[in-house]
C-alpha atoms as a PDB file:
ATOM      1  CA  ALA A   1      10.656   6.625  -6.039  1.00  0.00           C
ATOM      2  CA  SER A   2      11.454   8.665  -3.313  1.00  0.00           C
ATOM      3  CA  ARG A   3      10.230   9.308   0.256  1.00  0.00           C
ATOM      4  CA  SER A   4       8.145  12.539  -0.982  1.00  0.00           C
ATOM      5  CA  ALA A   5       6.837  10.723  -3.756  1.00  0.00           C
ATOM      6  CA  ALA A   6       5.814   8.218  -2.048  1.00  0.00           C
ATOM      7  CA  ARG A   7       4.226  10.783   0.550  1.00  0.00           C
ATOM      8  CA  ARG A   8       2.700  12.921  -2.311  1.00  0.00           C
ATOM      9  CA  THR A   9       1.077   9.506  -3.890  1.00  0.00           C
ATOM     10  CA  ILE A  10      -1.046   8.825  -0.652  1.00  0.00           C
ATOM     11  CA  GLU A  11      -1.278  12.434   0.524  1.00  0.00           C
ATOM     12  CA  GLN A  12      -3.269  12.546  -3.499  1.00  0.00           C
ATOM     13  CA  GLY A  13      -5.454   9.348  -2.535  1.00  0.00           C
ATOM     14  CA  GLY A  14      -3.314   7.532  -5.013  1.00  0.00           C
ATOM     15  CA  ALA A  15      -2.095   4.405  -2.942  1.00  0.00           C
ATOM     16  CA  TYR A  16      -3.997   1.345  -1.629  1.00  0.00           C
ATOM     17  CA  ILE A  17      -3.389  -1.808   0.477  1.00  0.00           C
ATOM     18  CA  ASN A  18      -5.692  -4.752  -0.570  1.00  0.00           C
ATOM     19  CA  ASN A  19      -7.927  -2.291  -2.356  1.00  0.00           C
ATOM     20  CA  VAL A  20      -8.207  -0.247   0.622  1.00  0.00           C
ATOM     21  CA  ARG A  21      -7.522   3.369   0.319  1.00  0.00           C
ATOM     22  CA  VAL A  22      -4.471   4.236   2.273  1.00  0.00           C
ATOM     23  CA  SER A  23      -4.654   7.964   3.774  1.00  0.00           C
ATOM     24  CA  ASP A  24      -2.204   8.463   6.577  1.00  0.00           C
ATOM     25  CA  SER A  25       1.331   8.798   5.222  1.00  0.00           C
ATOM     26  CA  SER A  26       2.719   7.440   8.602  1.00  0.00           C
ATOM     27  CA  TYR A  27       0.467   4.243   8.135  1.00  0.00           C
ATOM     28  CA  HIS A  28       2.360   0.809   9.397  1.00  0.00           C
ATOM     29  CA  ILE A  29       1.678  -2.163   7.857  1.00  0.00           C
ATOM     30  CA  THR A  30       0.053  -4.705  10.423  1.00  0.00           C
ATOM     31  CA  SER A  31      -0.433  -8.883  10.219  1.00  0.00           C
ATOM     32  CA  ASP A  32      -3.888  -7.955  10.000  1.00  0.00           C
ATOM     33  CA  ASP A  33      -3.322  -6.268   6.568  1.00  0.00           C
ATOM     34  CA  LEU A  34      -2.455  -9.652   5.104  1.00  0.00           C
ATOM     35  CA  ALA A  35      -4.990 -11.016   2.251  1.00  0.00           C
ATOM     36  CA  GLY A  36      -5.133 -14.608   3.390  1.00  0.00           C
ATOM     37  CA  ARG A  37      -2.248 -15.792   5.874  1.00  0.00           C
ATOM     38  CA  THR A  38       1.107 -14.650   3.762  1.00  0.00           C
ATOM     39  CA  ALA A  39      -0.090 -12.068   1.044  1.00  0.00           C
ATOM     40  CA  LEU A  40       0.294  -8.321   0.247  1.00  0.00           C
ATOM     41  CA  VAL A  41      -1.236  -6.413  -2.588  1.00  0.00           C
ATOM     42  CA  LEU A  42       0.236  -2.535  -2.565  1.00  0.00           C
ATOM     43  CA  ARG A  43      -1.460  -0.836  -5.576  1.00  0.00           C
ATOM     44  CA  SER A  44      -0.274   3.075  -6.739  1.00  0.00           C
ATOM     45  CA  GLY A  45      -2.856   4.880  -8.611  1.00  0.00           C
ATOM     46  CA  LYS A  46      -4.533   2.528 -11.404  1.00  0.00           C
ATOM     47  CA  LYS A  47      -2.217   0.798 -12.757  1.00  0.00           C
ATOM     48  CA  SER A  48       0.821  -0.307 -11.105  1.00  0.00           C
ATOM     49  CA  TYR A  49      -0.108  -3.188  -8.561  1.00  0.00           C
ATOM     50  CA  ALA A  50       3.007  -5.453  -5.989  1.00  0.00           C
ATOM     51  CA  LEU A  51       2.435  -8.611  -4.552  1.00  0.00           C
ATOM     52  CA  ALA A  52       4.611  -8.565  -1.267  1.00  0.00           C
ATOM     53  CA  ARG A  53       4.523 -12.301   0.456  1.00  0.00           C
ATOM     54  CA  PHE A  54       5.942 -13.099   3.667  1.00  0.00           C
ATOM     55  CA  GLN A  55       7.039 -15.836   5.659  1.00  0.00           C
END
């Protein structure tokens, strides 16, 4: 996917971090966004999920 496709997804309301909609295309992920201590769930649309783990 490209940056412009990601920007479009965010602007159309289809991007989520831990099931919270992201509405700002300049949003930066912080440690406050982590689910638990080391994981982050990213979602695009209804069916595309990704789990990111951090150390």
